[in-house]
N, C-alpha and C. Protein backbone atom coordinates (compact mmCIF):
# COMPACT_ATOMS: atom_id res chain seq x y z
N MET A 1 113.25 95.92 106.15
CA MET A 1 113.28 96.80 107.27
C MET A 1 112.34 96.22 108.36
N SER A 2 112.76 96.32 109.57
CA SER A 2 111.96 95.76 110.65
C SER A 2 111.21 96.84 111.40
N GLY A 3 110.14 96.44 112.07
CA GLY A 3 109.31 97.36 112.85
C GLY A 3 108.37 96.60 113.78
N MET A 4 107.34 97.30 114.25
CA MET A 4 106.42 96.67 115.16
C MET A 4 104.97 96.85 114.64
N LYS A 5 104.12 95.87 115.03
CA LYS A 5 102.72 95.93 114.74
C LYS A 5 102.02 96.09 116.10
N TYR A 6 101.21 97.12 116.28
CA TYR A 6 100.59 97.39 117.58
C TYR A 6 99.10 97.00 117.62
N LYS A 7 98.71 96.31 118.64
CA LYS A 7 97.29 95.97 118.84
C LYS A 7 96.76 96.95 119.89
N ARG A 8 95.69 97.66 119.53
CA ARG A 8 95.11 98.69 120.44
C ARG A 8 93.73 98.34 120.90
N ARG A 9 93.36 98.76 122.09
CA ARG A 9 92.03 98.53 122.64
C ARG A 9 91.54 99.81 123.25
N GLY A 10 90.27 100.09 123.13
CA GLY A 10 89.70 101.31 123.74
C GLY A 10 89.38 102.38 122.73
N MET A 11 88.36 103.20 123.03
CA MET A 11 88.00 104.28 122.13
C MET A 11 88.94 105.46 122.33
N VAL A 12 89.31 106.10 121.19
CA VAL A 12 90.22 107.26 121.28
C VAL A 12 89.52 108.46 121.92
N ARG A 13 90.32 109.34 122.52
CA ARG A 13 89.78 110.47 123.27
C ARG A 13 88.99 111.41 122.41
N ARG A 14 89.45 111.63 121.15
CA ARG A 14 88.77 112.58 120.29
C ARG A 14 87.38 112.12 119.90
N LYS A 15 87.08 110.84 120.11
CA LYS A 15 85.74 110.27 119.83
C LYS A 15 84.93 110.07 121.13
N GLY A 16 85.43 110.60 122.26
CA GLY A 16 84.69 110.57 123.49
C GLY A 16 85.07 109.43 124.42
N GLY A 17 86.15 108.74 124.16
CA GLY A 17 86.56 107.62 125.01
C GLY A 17 87.62 108.04 126.00
N ALA A 18 88.12 107.05 126.77
CA ALA A 18 89.13 107.30 127.79
C ALA A 18 90.54 107.23 127.20
N GLY A 19 90.63 106.90 125.91
CA GLY A 19 91.96 106.78 125.25
C GLY A 19 92.28 105.33 124.91
N SER A 20 92.96 105.13 123.78
CA SER A 20 93.28 103.78 123.34
C SER A 20 94.58 103.36 124.02
N LYS A 21 94.61 102.10 124.38
CA LYS A 21 95.82 101.52 125.05
C LYS A 21 96.44 100.47 124.11
N ILE A 22 97.75 100.36 124.18
CA ILE A 22 98.45 99.34 123.40
C ILE A 22 98.48 98.06 124.28
N VAL A 23 97.87 97.01 123.77
CA VAL A 23 97.76 95.78 124.53
C VAL A 23 98.65 94.65 123.96
N GLY A 24 99.28 94.91 122.85
CA GLY A 24 100.12 93.87 122.27
C GLY A 24 101.08 94.49 121.25
N LYS A 25 102.33 93.95 121.20
CA LYS A 25 103.30 94.38 120.20
C LYS A 25 103.89 93.15 119.58
N THR A 26 103.92 93.12 118.23
CA THR A 26 104.48 92.01 117.50
C THR A 26 105.51 92.52 116.51
N ALA A 27 106.68 91.88 116.47
CA ALA A 27 107.70 92.24 115.49
C ALA A 27 107.27 91.86 114.09
N ARG A 28 107.54 92.72 113.14
CA ARG A 28 107.19 92.42 111.73
C ARG A 28 108.24 93.08 110.82
N THR A 29 108.20 92.67 109.55
CA THR A 29 109.12 93.27 108.59
C THR A 29 108.33 94.01 107.52
N PHE A 30 108.89 95.12 107.05
CA PHE A 30 108.31 95.89 105.97
C PHE A 30 109.05 95.53 104.72
N ALA A 31 108.33 94.96 103.73
CA ALA A 31 108.94 94.48 102.53
C ALA A 31 108.65 95.49 101.41
N PRO A 32 109.57 95.64 100.42
CA PRO A 32 109.31 96.51 99.26
C PRO A 32 108.31 95.89 98.34
N ASN A 33 107.55 96.73 97.62
CA ASN A 33 106.57 96.30 96.64
C ASN A 33 107.31 95.94 95.33
N LEU A 34 107.68 94.67 95.17
CA LEU A 34 108.46 94.25 94.00
C LEU A 34 107.56 93.73 92.92
N GLN A 35 107.80 94.11 91.68
CA GLN A 35 107.07 93.65 90.50
C GLN A 35 108.04 93.13 89.47
N THR A 36 107.65 92.10 88.72
CA THR A 36 108.46 91.60 87.61
C THR A 36 108.01 92.32 86.34
N VAL A 37 108.98 93.03 85.70
CA VAL A 37 108.63 93.78 84.47
C VAL A 37 109.63 93.49 83.39
N ARG A 38 109.21 93.70 82.15
CA ARG A 38 110.11 93.61 81.02
C ARG A 38 110.66 95.01 80.81
N ALA A 39 111.98 95.16 80.97
CA ALA A 39 112.60 96.48 80.87
C ALA A 39 113.62 96.46 79.75
N THR A 40 113.91 97.68 79.26
CA THR A 40 114.91 97.88 78.22
C THR A 40 116.25 98.16 78.95
N ILE A 41 117.24 97.26 78.74
CA ILE A 41 118.55 97.41 79.37
C ILE A 41 119.58 97.22 78.23
N ASN A 42 120.43 98.24 78.09
CA ASN A 42 121.51 98.23 77.04
C ASN A 42 120.99 97.90 75.66
N GLY A 43 119.83 98.42 75.33
CA GLY A 43 119.25 98.22 73.99
C GLY A 43 118.50 96.93 73.84
N GLY A 44 118.52 96.03 74.83
CA GLY A 44 117.78 94.77 74.75
C GLY A 44 116.69 94.72 75.81
N THR A 45 115.78 93.74 75.61
CA THR A 45 114.73 93.56 76.58
C THR A 45 115.06 92.41 77.55
N LYS A 46 114.78 92.70 78.83
CA LYS A 46 115.13 91.72 79.85
C LYS A 46 114.07 91.74 80.97
N LYS A 47 113.71 90.58 81.55
CA LYS A 47 112.79 90.53 82.67
C LYS A 47 113.57 90.78 83.98
N ILE A 48 113.14 91.78 84.73
CA ILE A 48 113.82 92.08 86.00
C ILE A 48 112.79 92.36 87.09
N THR A 49 113.20 92.24 88.31
CA THR A 49 112.36 92.56 89.48
C THR A 49 112.69 93.93 89.95
N VAL A 50 111.68 94.82 90.02
CA VAL A 50 111.87 96.22 90.30
C VAL A 50 110.85 96.63 91.37
N CYS A 51 111.24 97.54 92.26
CA CYS A 51 110.30 98.09 93.20
C CYS A 51 109.43 99.13 92.51
N VAL A 52 108.18 99.27 92.94
CA VAL A 52 107.22 100.17 92.28
C VAL A 52 107.65 101.62 92.46
N LYS A 53 108.33 101.91 93.55
CA LYS A 53 108.84 103.27 93.79
C LYS A 53 109.80 103.69 92.64
N CYS A 54 110.65 102.77 92.23
CA CYS A 54 111.59 103.05 91.12
C CYS A 54 110.85 103.15 89.77
N LEU A 55 109.81 102.36 89.56
CA LEU A 55 109.01 102.44 88.34
C LEU A 55 108.36 103.80 88.23
N LYS A 56 107.75 104.25 89.34
CA LYS A 56 107.01 105.54 89.34
C LYS A 56 107.99 106.71 89.16
N ALA A 57 109.20 106.56 89.64
CA ALA A 57 110.18 107.62 89.56
C ALA A 57 110.82 107.72 88.19
N GLY A 58 110.59 106.67 87.36
CA GLY A 58 111.09 106.68 85.99
C GLY A 58 112.52 106.17 85.91
N LYS A 59 113.02 105.51 86.94
CA LYS A 59 114.42 105.02 86.93
C LYS A 59 114.58 103.77 86.06
N VAL A 60 113.44 103.11 85.72
CA VAL A 60 113.46 101.91 84.86
C VAL A 60 112.54 102.18 83.69
N THR A 61 113.06 101.87 82.48
CA THR A 61 112.22 102.08 81.25
C THR A 61 111.61 100.76 80.89
N LYS A 62 110.28 100.72 80.87
CA LYS A 62 109.53 99.50 80.50
C LYS A 62 109.65 99.24 79.00
N ALA A 63 109.77 97.98 78.60
CA ALA A 63 109.84 97.62 77.19
C ALA A 63 108.45 97.74 76.55
N LYS A 64 108.43 98.05 75.26
CA LYS A 64 107.18 98.20 74.57
C LYS A 64 106.71 96.94 73.92
């Protein structure tokens, strides 16, 4: 997924400043947090690459 990285300068208003200004924008990509795990698939154990979001949700069963 693509997005932007913002460079800011100046103190924010809630801290008593005049407000922060955006002085630079750089394109960047957001990558998923992939981990290599040993998982149980069709009764056998196999090494696969899985995102951590799927691991936490319980969509993948880790091998013992």
